[in-house]
């Protein structure tokens, strides 16, 4: 059997889908949902209509599909039409059928989706692993990218600390003690209380235990990679992030990005999208307007 991301069994998938659908109902109304065919499976996505301008494509982090953006969509939709994608090979409604063997494959499936949607110039935006994913795509296939917005991206400007890798192991172990799992999630969220009655928290927890990931871990981009990004990049780095040394990440981004705007938000944790949704929408919206009004880089 091909090594692809999949739910552990039918019961796990049914539990997950129940939570997913509940979370989806809390989002703003979408114009359409779609299952876009790619070389590696089908990608579930949603189109949320907004004002005119180059559209925004959102990629979430690991174990967190489209409903992760519940707090962000209302603000973002004041600025642009938004497409949300469930990552292929991750928990969500995308269905992987062919193994993803590395960074080239990650870029190719995303390009297949943009081609199918006829999106020729988009503001790619990613959170955590989604930030790595859109950067990886822009390095390999920049023709469709108007800009990148990277929200505390993982493995993009600095390595993930070993303590974080060790601490998150219980999130992937089925049957791990509930108090331990909550402590880990709280630590990742900068010490915030983790309430399992909150639907998105339940969705992330279900994905981490009921879904099997089968793809190589991403690797940190080299200096040459980052210097080679010949397009506008907005990087929002969380000062209390657990996925990297924030000051080191911000310094490296400032030193290497040719067209970068780097902001270090000292009070933000890796849960930055839920902590500062209005600020993210305002900052990103202004940036997209600036990019669209400027001559091509």
C-alpha atoms as a PDB file:
ATOM      1  CA  UNK A   1       0.000   0.000   0.000  1.00  0.00           C
ATOM      2  CA  UNK A   2       1.272   3.477  -0.899  1.00  0.00           C
ATOM      3  CA  UNK A   3       2.520   5.528   2.043  1.00  0.00           C
ATOM      4  CA  UNK A   4       0.066   8.388   1.973  1.00  0.00           C
ATOM      5  CA  UNK A   5      -1.549  10.503   4.657  1.00  0.00           C
ATOM      6  CA  UNK A   6      -4.780   8.886   5.820  1.00  0.00           C
ATOM      7  CA  UNK A   7      -7.136   8.465   8.743  1.00  0.00           C
ATOM      8  CA  UNK A   8      -6.330   5.495  10.938  1.00  0.00           C
ATOM      9  CA  UNK A   9      -9.688   3.843  10.290  1.00  0.00           C
ATOM     10  CA  UNK A  10     -13.274   4.601   9.290  1.00  0.00           C
ATOM     11  CA  UNK A  11     -14.304   5.394  12.850  1.00  0.00           C
ATOM     12  CA  UNK A  12     -11.490   7.941  13.189  1.00  0.00           C
ATOM     13  CA  UNK A  13     -12.520   9.577   9.925  1.00  0.00           C
ATOM     14  CA  UNK A  14     -16.161   9.755  11.014  1.00  0.00           C
ATOM     15  CA  UNK A  15     -15.221  11.375  14.357  1.00  0.00           C
ATOM     16  CA  UNK A  16     -13.052  13.896  12.578  1.00  0.00           C
ATOM     17  CA  UNK A  17     -15.631  14.766   9.936  1.00  0.00           C
ATOM     18  CA  UNK A  18     -18.268  15.467  12.571  1.00  0.00           C
ATOM     19  CA  UNK A  19     -16.006  18.031  14.257  1.00  0.00           C
ATOM     20  CA  UNK A  20     -14.829  19.461  10.915  1.00  0.00           C
ATOM     21  CA  UNK A  21     -18.366  20.081   9.702  1.00  0.00           C
ATOM     22  CA  UNK A  22     -19.290  21.724  12.986  1.00  0.00           C
ATOM     23  CA  UNK A  23     -16.286  24.061  12.679  1.00  0.00           C
ATOM     24  CA  UNK A  24     -17.025  24.800   9.027  1.00  0.00           C
ATOM     25  CA  UNK A  25     -20.535  25.953   9.860  1.00  0.00           C
ATOM     26  CA  UNK A  26     -19.058  28.695  12.068  1.00  0.00           C
ATOM     27  CA  UNK A  27     -17.091  30.268   9.193  1.00  0.00           C
ATOM     28  CA  UNK A  28     -18.396  33.070   6.979  1.00  0.00           C
ATOM     29  CA  UNK A  29     -20.494  31.789   4.100  1.00  0.00           C
ATOM     30  CA  UNK A  30     -18.356  30.587   1.204  1.00  0.00           C
ATOM     31  CA  UNK A  31     -19.263  30.987  -2.457  1.00  0.00           C
ATOM     32  CA  UNK A  32     -18.169  27.486  -3.374  1.00  0.00           C
ATOM     33  CA  UNK A  33     -16.296  24.440  -2.208  1.00  0.00           C
ATOM     34  CA  UNK A  34     -14.241  22.309  -4.574  1.00  0.00           C
ATOM     35  CA  UNK A  35     -12.106  19.189  -4.744  1.00  0.00           C
ATOM     36  CA  UNK A  36      -9.312  20.042  -7.141  1.00  0.00           C
ATOM     37  CA  UNK A  37      -7.496  17.110  -8.786  1.00  0.00           C
ATOM     38  CA  UNK A  38      -3.693  17.109  -8.585  1.00  0.00           C
ATOM     39  CA  UNK A  39      -0.906  14.669  -9.402  1.00  0.00           C
ATOM     40  CA  UNK A  40      -0.939  13.536  -5.756  1.00  0.00           C
ATOM     41  CA  UNK A  41      -4.646  13.430  -4.906  1.00  0.00           C
ATOM     42  CA  UNK A  42      -7.557  15.848  -4.560  1.00  0.00           C
ATOM     43  CA  UNK A  43      -7.305  19.108  -2.639  1.00  0.00           C
ATOM     44  CA  UNK A  44     -10.350  20.451  -0.818  1.00  0.00           C
ATOM     45  CA  UNK A  45     -10.730  24.192  -0.988  1.00  0.00           C
ATOM     46  CA  UNK A  46     -13.230  26.991  -0.428  1.00  0.00           C
ATOM     47  CA  UNK A  47     -13.741  30.351  -2.122  1.00  0.00           C
ATOM     48  CA  UNK A  48     -14.907  33.246   0.046  1.00  0.00           C
ATOM     49  CA  UNK A  49     -15.947  36.280  -1.990  1.00  0.00           C
ATOM     50  CA  UNK A  50     -14.485  39.662  -1.110  1.00  0.00           C
ATOM     51  CA  UNK A  51     -13.516  42.991  -2.705  1.00  0.00           C
ATOM     52  CA  UNK A  52     -11.803  43.237  -6.069  1.00  0.00           C
ATOM     53  CA  UNK A  53      -8.051  42.827  -6.346  1.00  0.00           C
ATOM     54  CA  UNK A  54      -5.621  39.969  -6.668  1.00  0.00           C
ATOM     55  CA  UNK A  55      -7.020  37.137  -4.527  1.00  0.00           C
ATOM     56  CA  UNK A  56      -5.440  35.632  -1.441  1.00  0.00           C
ATOM     57  CA  UNK A  57      -4.740  31.912  -1.033  1.00  0.00           C
ATOM     58  CA  UNK A  58      -4.435  30.707   2.570  1.00  0.00           C
ATOM     59  CA  UNK A  59      -2.490  27.611   3.630  1.00  0.00           C
ATOM     60  CA  UNK A  60      -2.815  26.524   7.275  1.00  0.00           C
ATOM     61  CA  UNK A  61      -0.351  24.797   9.564  1.00  0.00           C
ATOM     62  CA  UNK A  62       0.142  21.149  10.359  1.00  0.00           C
ATOM     63  CA  UNK A  63      -2.905  19.250  11.701  1.00  0.00           C
ATOM     64  CA  UNK A  64      -5.098  22.304  11.085  1.00  0.00           C
ATOM     65  CA  UNK A  65      -7.274  22.602   7.939  1.00  0.00           C
ATOM     66  CA  UNK A  66      -9.491  25.474   6.732  1.00  0.00           C
ATOM     67  CA  UNK A  67     -11.467  26.004   9.993  1.00  0.00           C
ATOM     68  CA  UNK A  68      -8.202  27.178  11.590  1.00  0.00           C
ATOM     69  CA  UNK A  69      -8.889  30.529   9.899  1.00  0.00           C
ATOM     70  CA  UNK A  70     -12.212  31.123  11.714  1.00  0.00           C
ATOM     71  CA  UNK A  71     -10.929  34.195  13.560  1.00  0.00           C
ATOM     72  CA  UNK A  72      -9.125  35.582  10.501  1.00  0.00           C
ATOM     73  CA  UNK A  73     -11.588  35.292   7.641  1.00  0.00           C
ATOM     74  CA  UNK A  74     -13.970  38.136   8.637  1.00  0.00           C
ATOM     75  CA  UNK A  75     -11.119  40.662   8.670  1.00  0.00           C
ATOM     76  CA  UNK A  76      -9.355  39.336   5.591  1.00  0.00           C
ATOM     77  CA  UNK A  77     -12.577  39.374   3.597  1.00  0.00           C
ATOM     78  CA  UNK A  78     -12.808  43.117   4.092  1.00  0.00           C
ATOM     79  CA  UNK A  79      -9.753  43.345   1.816  1.00  0.00           C
ATOM     80  CA  UNK A  80      -9.791  40.493  -0.738  1.00  0.00           C
ATOM     81  CA  UNK A  81     -11.433  37.381  -2.073  1.00  0.00           C
ATOM     82  CA  UNK A  82      -9.906  34.458  -0.195  1.00  0.00           C
ATOM     83  CA  UNK A  83      -9.286  30.845  -1.177  1.00  0.00           C
ATOM     84  CA  UNK A  84      -8.628  28.397   1.685  1.00  0.00           C
ATOM     85  CA  UNK A  85      -6.982  25.031   1.014  1.00  0.00           C
ATOM     86  CA  UNK A  86      -6.733  21.949   3.215  1.00  0.00           C
ATOM     87  CA  UNK A  87      -3.119  20.784   2.941  1.00  0.00           C
ATOM     88  CA  UNK A  88      -2.638  17.585   0.960  1.00  0.00           C
ATOM     89  CA  UNK A  89      -1.463  14.673   3.101  1.00  0.00           C
ATOM     90  CA  UNK A  90      -2.662  16.405   6.290  1.00  0.00           C
ATOM     91  CA  UNK A  91      -5.875  16.105   8.354  1.00  0.00           C
ATOM     92  CA  UNK A  92      -8.783  17.668   6.508  1.00  0.00           C
ATOM     93  CA  UNK A  93     -10.870  16.881   3.446  1.00  0.00           C
ATOM     94  CA  UNK A  94      -8.022  16.739   0.940  1.00  0.00           C
ATOM     95  CA  UNK A  95      -7.338  13.131  -0.095  1.00  0.00           C
ATOM     96  CA  UNK A  96      -3.787  12.036  -0.875  1.00  0.00           C
ATOM     97  CA  UNK A  97      -3.403   9.090  -3.281  1.00  0.00           C
ATOM     98  CA  UNK A  98       0.267   9.307  -4.343  1.00  0.00           C
ATOM     99  CA  UNK A  99       3.270   9.610  -1.988  1.00  0.00           C
ATOM    100  CA  UNK A 100       4.764  13.071  -1.496  1.00  0.00           C
ATOM    101  CA  UNK A 101       8.505  12.502  -1.550  1.00  0.00           C
ATOM    102  CA  UNK A 102       9.926  15.975  -0.983  1.00  0.00           C
ATOM    103  CA  UNK A 103       9.797  19.714  -1.555  1.00  0.00           C
ATOM    104  CA  UNK A 104       9.333  19.456  -5.333  1.00  0.00           C
ATOM    105  CA  UNK A 105       6.179  17.380  -4.860  1.00  0.00           C
ATOM    106  CA  UNK A 106       4.851  19.865  -2.296  1.00  0.00           C
ATOM    107  CA  UNK A 107       5.233  22.647  -4.854  1.00  0.00           C
ATOM    108  CA  UNK A 108       3.710  20.631  -7.690  1.00  0.00           C
ATOM    109  CA  UNK A 109       0.439  19.797  -5.988  1.00  0.00           C
ATOM    110  CA  UNK A 110      -0.081  23.453  -5.072  1.00  0.00           C
ATOM    111  CA  UNK A 111       0.667  24.508  -8.646  1.00  0.00           C
ATOM    112  CA  UNK A 112      -1.848  21.961  -9.934  1.00  0.00           C
ATOM    113  CA  UNK A 113      -4.525  23.634  -7.785  1.00  0.00           C
ATOM    114  CA  UNK A 114      -3.688  27.186  -8.885  1.00  0.00           C
ATOM    115  CA  UNK A 115      -3.677  26.112 -12.531  1.00  0.00           C
ATOM    116  CA  UNK A 116      -7.040  24.370 -12.148  1.00  0.00           C
ATOM    117  CA  UNK A 117      -8.518  27.479 -10.504  1.00  0.00           C
ATOM    118  CA  UNK A 118      -6.995  29.736 -13.206  1.00  0.00           C
ATOM    119  CA  UNK A 119      -5.301  31.870 -10.556  1.00  0.00           C
ATOM    120  CA  UNK A 120      -2.489  33.602 -12.426  1.00  0.00           C
ATOM    121  CA  UNK A 121      -1.395  36.117  -9.756  1.00  0.00           C
ATOM    122  CA  UNK A 122      -2.157  35.565  -6.065  1.00  0.00           C
ATOM    123  CA  UNK A 123      -1.031  36.702  -2.650  1.00  0.00           C
ATOM    124  CA  UNK A 124       0.050  33.401  -1.098  1.00  0.00           C
ATOM    125  CA  UNK A 125      -0.333  33.414   2.680  1.00  0.00           C
ATOM    126  CA  UNK A 126       0.721  30.677   5.075  1.00  0.00           C
ATOM    127  CA  UNK A 127       0.780  30.019   8.797  1.00  0.00           C
ATOM    128  CA  UNK A 128       3.468  27.852  10.425  1.00  0.00           C
ATOM    129  CA  UNK A 129       4.056  24.890   8.071  1.00  0.00           C
ATOM    130  CA  UNK A 130       1.790  26.652   5.573  1.00  0.00           C
ATOM    131  CA  UNK A 131       4.335  29.483   5.581  1.00  0.00           C
ATOM    132  CA  UNK A 132       7.057  27.003   4.668  1.00  0.00           C
ATOM    133  CA  UNK A 133       4.806  25.570   1.953  1.00  0.00           C
ATOM    134  CA  UNK A 134       4.143  28.875   0.183  1.00  0.00           C
ATOM    135  CA  UNK A 135       7.833  29.842   0.418  1.00  0.00           C
ATOM    136  CA  UNK A 136       8.799  26.484  -1.065  1.00  0.00           C
ATOM    137  CA  UNK A 137       6.340  27.036  -3.911  1.00  0.00           C
ATOM    138  CA  UNK A 138       7.600  30.555  -4.626  1.00  0.00           C
ATOM    139  CA  UNK A 139      11.177  29.314  -4.837  1.00  0.00           C
ATOM    140  CA  UNK A 140      10.276  26.709  -7.439  1.00  0.00           C
ATOM    141  CA  UNK A 141       7.355  28.260  -9.323  1.00  0.00           C
ATOM    142  CA  UNK A 142       7.243  32.023  -8.730  1.00  0.00           C
ATOM    143  CA  UNK A 143       5.319  32.934 -11.872  1.00  0.00           C
ATOM    144  CA  UNK A 144       1.888  32.944 -10.171  1.00  0.00           C
ATOM    145  CA  UNK A 145       2.977  34.624  -6.930  1.00  0.00           C
ATOM    146  CA  UNK A 146       2.257  38.337  -6.440  1.00  0.00           C
ATOM    147  CA  UNK A 147       3.569  38.240  -2.871  1.00  0.00           C
ATOM    148  CA  UNK A 148       4.117  36.031   0.160  1.00  0.00           C
ATOM    149  CA  UNK A 149       2.670  36.695   3.596  1.00  0.00           C
ATOM    150  CA  UNK A 150       4.341  34.447   6.152  1.00  0.00           C
ATOM    151  CA  UNK A 151       2.675  34.216   9.569  1.00  0.00           C
ATOM    152  CA  UNK A 152       5.203  32.813  12.051  1.00  0.00           C
ATOM    153  CA  UNK A 153       6.446  30.335   9.441  1.00  0.00           C
ATOM    154  CA  UNK A 154       8.100  27.132  10.645  1.00  0.00           C
ATOM    155  CA  UNK A 155      11.491  26.006   9.282  1.00  0.00           C
ATOM    156  CA  UNK A 156      11.699  29.053   7.045  1.00  0.00           C
ATOM    157  CA  UNK A 157      14.062  31.459   8.793  1.00  0.00           C
ATOM    158  CA  UNK A 158      15.220  29.359  11.789  1.00  0.00           C
ATOM    159  CA  UNK A 159      15.246  25.771  12.976  1.00  0.00           C
ATOM    160  CA  UNK A 160      12.646  24.238  15.270  1.00  0.00           C
ATOM    161  CA  UNK A 161      14.233  23.866  18.737  1.00  0.00           C
ATOM    162  CA  UNK A 162      14.820  20.316  19.939  1.00  0.00           C
ATOM    163  CA  UNK A 163      12.748  21.031  23.049  1.00  0.00           C
ATOM    164  CA  UNK A 164       9.747  21.782  20.835  1.00  0.00           C
ATOM    165  CA  UNK A 165      10.190  18.608  18.815  1.00  0.00           C
ATOM    166  CA  UNK A 166      10.382  16.564  22.021  1.00  0.00           C
ATOM    167  CA  UNK A 167       7.484  18.377  23.673  1.00  0.00           C
ATOM    168  CA  UNK A 168       5.083  17.808  20.780  1.00  0.00           C
ATOM    169  CA  UNK A 169       5.542  14.032  20.607  1.00  0.00           C
ATOM    170  CA  UNK A 170       2.516  13.402  22.893  1.00  0.00           C
ATOM    171  CA  UNK A 171       0.282  15.188  20.377  1.00  0.00           C
ATOM    172  CA  UNK A 172       0.859  12.368  17.888  1.00  0.00           C
ATOM    173  CA  UNK A 173       0.479   9.458  20.306  1.00  0.00           C
ATOM    174  CA  UNK A 174      -3.026   8.035  20.524  1.00  0.00           C
ATOM    175  CA  UNK A 175      -3.991   7.510  24.152  1.00  0.00           C
ATOM    176  CA  UNK A 176      -1.544  10.081  25.542  1.00  0.00           C
ATOM    177  CA  UNK A 177      -2.807  11.433  28.897  1.00  0.00           C
ATOM    178  CA  UNK A 178      -5.247  14.284  28.373  1.00  0.00           C
ATOM    179  CA  UNK A 179      -3.626  16.627  30.945  1.00  0.00           C
ATOM    180  CA  UNK A 180      -0.264  16.184  29.200  1.00  0.00           C
ATOM    181  CA  UNK A 181      -1.742  16.924  25.780  1.00  0.00           C
ATOM    182  CA  UNK A 182      -3.397  20.075  27.131  1.00  0.00           C
ATOM    183  CA  UNK A 183      -0.138  21.265  28.687  1.00  0.00           C
ATOM    184  CA  UNK A 184       1.675  20.872  25.365  1.00  0.00           C
ATOM    185  CA  UNK A 185      -1.028  22.758  23.439  1.00  0.00           C
ATOM    186  CA  UNK A 186      -1.067  25.491  26.086  1.00  0.00           C
ATOM    187  CA  UNK A 187       2.716  25.846  25.854  1.00  0.00           C
ATOM    188  CA  UNK A 188       2.557  26.159  22.061  1.00  0.00           C
ATOM    189  CA  UNK A 189      -0.114  28.842  22.507  1.00  0.00           C
ATOM    190  CA  UNK A 190       2.090  30.904  24.790  1.00  0.00           C
ATOM    191  CA  UNK A 191       0.519  29.710  28.040  1.00  0.00           C
ATOM    192  CA  UNK A 192      -3.114  30.294  27.057  1.00  0.00           C
ATOM    193  CA  UNK A 193      -5.716  27.944  28.503  1.00  0.00           C
ATOM    194  CA  UNK A 194      -6.717  25.169  26.110  1.00  0.00           C
ATOM    195  CA  UNK A 195     -10.442  24.527  26.243  1.00  0.00           C
ATOM    196  CA  UNK A 196     -11.472  21.275  24.599  1.00  0.00           C
ATOM    197  CA  UNK A 197     -15.001  22.598  24.248  1.00  0.00           C
ATOM    198  CA  UNK A 198     -13.631  25.035  21.649  1.00  0.00           C
ATOM    199  CA  UNK A 199     -14.341  23.385  18.264  1.00  0.00           C
ATOM    200  CA  UNK A 200     -11.082  24.296  16.477  1.00  0.00           C
ATOM    201  CA  UNK A 201      -9.027  22.993  19.423  1.00  0.00           C
ATOM    202  CA  UNK A 202     -10.990  19.733  19.237  1.00  0.00           C
ATOM    203  CA  UNK A 203     -10.390  19.560  15.489  1.00  0.00           C
ATOM    204  CA  UNK A 204      -6.628  19.982  15.850  1.00  0.00           C
ATOM    205  CA  UNK A 205      -6.542  17.397  18.650  1.00  0.00           C
ATOM    206  CA  UNK A 206      -8.511  14.912  16.547  1.00  0.00           C
ATOM    207  CA  UNK A 207      -6.235  15.424  13.576  1.00  0.00           C
ATOM    208  CA  UNK A 208      -3.107  14.855  15.626  1.00  0.00           C
ATOM    209  CA  UNK A 209      -4.324  11.490  16.937  1.00  0.00           C
ATOM    210  CA  UNK A 210      -6.690  10.124  14.279  1.00  0.00           C
ATOM    211  CA  UNK A 211      -4.616  10.860  11.168  1.00  0.00           C
ATOM    212  CA  UNK A 212      -1.355   9.278   9.990  1.00  0.00           C
ATOM    213  CA  UNK A 213       1.157  11.559   8.270  1.00  0.00           C
ATOM    214  CA  UNK A 214       3.417   9.951   5.668  1.00  0.00           C
ATOM    215  CA  UNK A 215       5.688  12.561   4.117  1.00  0.00           C
ATOM    216  CA  UNK A 216       9.224  13.797   4.680  1.00  0.00           C
ATOM    217  CA  UNK A 217       9.728  16.580   7.192  1.00  0.00           C
ATOM    218  CA  UNK A 218      10.479  19.920   5.534  1.00  0.00           C
ATOM    219  CA  UNK A 219      14.018  21.225   5.763  1.00  0.00           C
ATOM    220  CA  UNK A 220      15.232  24.718   6.607  1.00  0.00           C
ATOM    221  CA  UNK A 221      15.761  26.973   3.590  1.00  0.00           C
ATOM    222  CA  UNK A 222      19.369  27.920   2.849  1.00  0.00           C
ATOM    223  CA  UNK A 223      20.713  31.463   2.676  1.00  0.00           C
ATOM    224  CA  UNK A 224      20.856  31.179  -1.095  1.00  0.00           C
ATOM    225  CA  UNK A 225      17.230  30.035  -1.183  1.00  0.00           C
ATOM    226  CA  UNK A 226      16.028  33.068   0.737  1.00  0.00           C
ATOM    227  CA  UNK A 227      18.200  35.493  -1.233  1.00  0.00           C
ATOM    228  CA  UNK A 228      16.677  34.022  -4.369  1.00  0.00           C
ATOM    229  CA  UNK A 229      13.138  35.093  -3.507  1.00  0.00           C
ATOM    230  CA  UNK A 230      12.768  37.902  -6.042  1.00  0.00           C
ATOM    231  CA  UNK A 231       9.282  38.947  -4.956  1.00  0.00           C
ATOM    232  CA  UNK A 232       7.649  40.876  -2.087  1.00  0.00           C
ATOM    233  CA  UNK A 233       7.562  39.075   1.256  1.00  0.00           C
ATOM    234  CA  UNK A 234       5.760  40.142   4.431  1.00  0.00           C
ATOM    235  CA  UNK A 235       7.007  38.145   7.429  1.00  0.00           C
ATOM    236  CA  UNK A 236       5.173  38.390  10.751  1.00  0.00           C
ATOM    237  CA  UNK A 237       7.289  36.731  13.450  1.00  0.00           C
ATOM    238  CA  UNK A 238       5.812  35.894  16.862  1.00  0.00           C
ATOM    239  CA  UNK A 239       8.142  37.012  19.637  1.00  0.00           C
ATOM    240  CA  UNK A 240       7.071  34.207  21.999  1.00  0.00           C
ATOM    241  CA  UNK A 241       6.941  31.497  19.331  1.00  0.00           C
ATOM    242  CA  UNK A 242       7.850  27.932  20.250  1.00  0.00           C
ATOM    243  CA  UNK A 243       8.792  26.949  16.692  1.00  0.00           C
ATOM    244  CA  UNK A 244      11.973  29.024  16.441  1.00  0.00           C
ATOM    245  CA  UNK A 245      14.183  31.609  18.095  1.00  0.00           C
ATOM    246  CA  UNK A 246      12.093  34.632  17.096  1.00  0.00           C
ATOM    247  CA  UNK A 247      14.868  37.234  17.113  1.00  0.00           C
ATOM    248  CA  UNK A 248      17.174  34.974  15.134  1.00  0.00           C
ATOM    249  CA  UNK A 249      14.416  34.253  12.626  1.00  0.00           C
ATOM    250  CA  UNK A 250      13.602  37.959  12.208  1.00  0.00           C
ATOM    251  CA  UNK A 251      17.273  38.915  11.825  1.00  0.00           C
ATOM    252  CA  UNK A 252      17.869  36.255   9.203  1.00  0.00           C
ATOM    253  CA  UNK A 253      14.769  37.310   7.284  1.00  0.00           C
ATOM    254  CA  UNK A 254      15.852  40.975   7.322  1.00  0.00           C
ATOM    255  CA  UNK A 255      19.377  40.113   6.202  1.00  0.00           C
ATOM    256  CA  UNK A 256      18.455  37.742   3.376  1.00  0.00           C
ATOM    257  CA  UNK A 257      15.138  38.760   1.833  1.00  0.00           C
ATOM    258  CA  UNK A 258      15.640  41.058  -1.155  1.00  0.00           C
ATOM    259  CA  UNK A 259      12.144  42.559  -0.939  1.00  0.00           C
ATOM    260  CA  UNK A 260      11.177  41.758   2.619  1.00  0.00           C
ATOM    261  CA  UNK A 261       9.100  43.591   5.180  1.00  0.00           C
ATOM    262  CA  UNK A 262       9.762  41.878   8.520  1.00  0.00           C
ATOM    263  CA  UNK A 263       7.819  42.573  11.703  1.00  0.00           C
ATOM    264  CA  UNK A 264       8.593  41.013  15.084  1.00  0.00           C
ATOM    265  CA  UNK A 265       5.497  41.054  17.314  1.00  0.00           C
ATOM    266  CA  UNK A 266       6.877  40.622  20.866  1.00  0.00           C
ATOM    267  CA  UNK A 267       3.583  39.709  22.545  1.00  0.00           C
ATOM    268  CA  UNK A 268       2.523  37.044  20.052  1.00  0.00           C
ATOM    269  CA  UNK A 269       2.913  33.283  20.483  1.00  0.00           C
ATOM    270  CA  UNK A 270       2.787  30.680  17.709  1.00  0.00           C
ATOM    271  CA  UNK A 271      -1.002  30.976  18.070  1.00  0.00           C
ATOM    272  CA  UNK A 272      -0.612  34.451  16.563  1.00  0.00           C
ATOM    273  CA  UNK A 273      -3.475  34.069  14.087  1.00  0.00           C
ATOM    274  CA  UNK A 274      -5.991  33.608  16.898  1.00  0.00           C
ATOM    275  CA  UNK A 275      -4.389  36.194  19.168  1.00  0.00           C
ATOM    276  CA  UNK A 276      -4.187  39.067  16.676  1.00  0.00           C
ATOM    277  CA  UNK A 277      -6.664  38.412  13.833  1.00  0.00           C
ATOM    278  CA  UNK A 278      -7.623  42.059  13.330  1.00  0.00           C
ATOM    279  CA  UNK A 279      -4.018  43.254  13.349  1.00  0.00           C
ATOM    280  CA  UNK A 280      -3.027  40.553  10.867  1.00  0.00           C
ATOM    281  CA  UNK A 281      -5.892  41.498   8.539  1.00  0.00           C
ATOM    282  CA  UNK A 282      -5.071  45.205   8.718  1.00  0.00           C
ATOM    283  CA  UNK A 283      -1.326  44.681   8.225  1.00  0.00           C
ATOM    284  CA  UNK A 284      -1.727  42.178   5.396  1.00  0.00           C
ATOM    285  CA  UNK A 285      -4.464  44.176   3.675  1.00  0.00           C
ATOM    286  CA  UNK A 286      -2.300  47.304   3.549  1.00  0.00           C
ATOM    287  CA  UNK A 287       0.638  45.240   2.314  1.00  0.00           C
ATOM    288  CA  UNK A 288      -1.345  43.651  -0.521  1.00  0.00           C
ATOM    289  CA  UNK A 289      -2.564  47.096  -1.590  1.00  0.00           C
ATOM    290  CA  UNK A 290       1.010  48.405  -1.551  1.00  0.00           C
ATOM    291  CA  UNK A 291       2.261  45.463  -3.602  1.00  0.00           C
ATOM    292  CA  UNK A 292      -0.495  45.768  -6.186  1.00  0.00           C
ATOM    293  CA  UNK A 293       0.111  49.511  -6.575  1.00  0.00           C
ATOM    294  CA  UNK A 294       3.898  49.228  -6.906  1.00  0.00           C
ATOM    295  CA  UNK A 295       5.828  48.531 -10.126  1.00  0.00           C
ATOM    296  CA  UNK A 296       6.839  44.872 -10.489  1.00  0.00           C
ATOM    297  CA  UNK A 297      10.016  43.996  -8.591  1.00  0.00           C
END
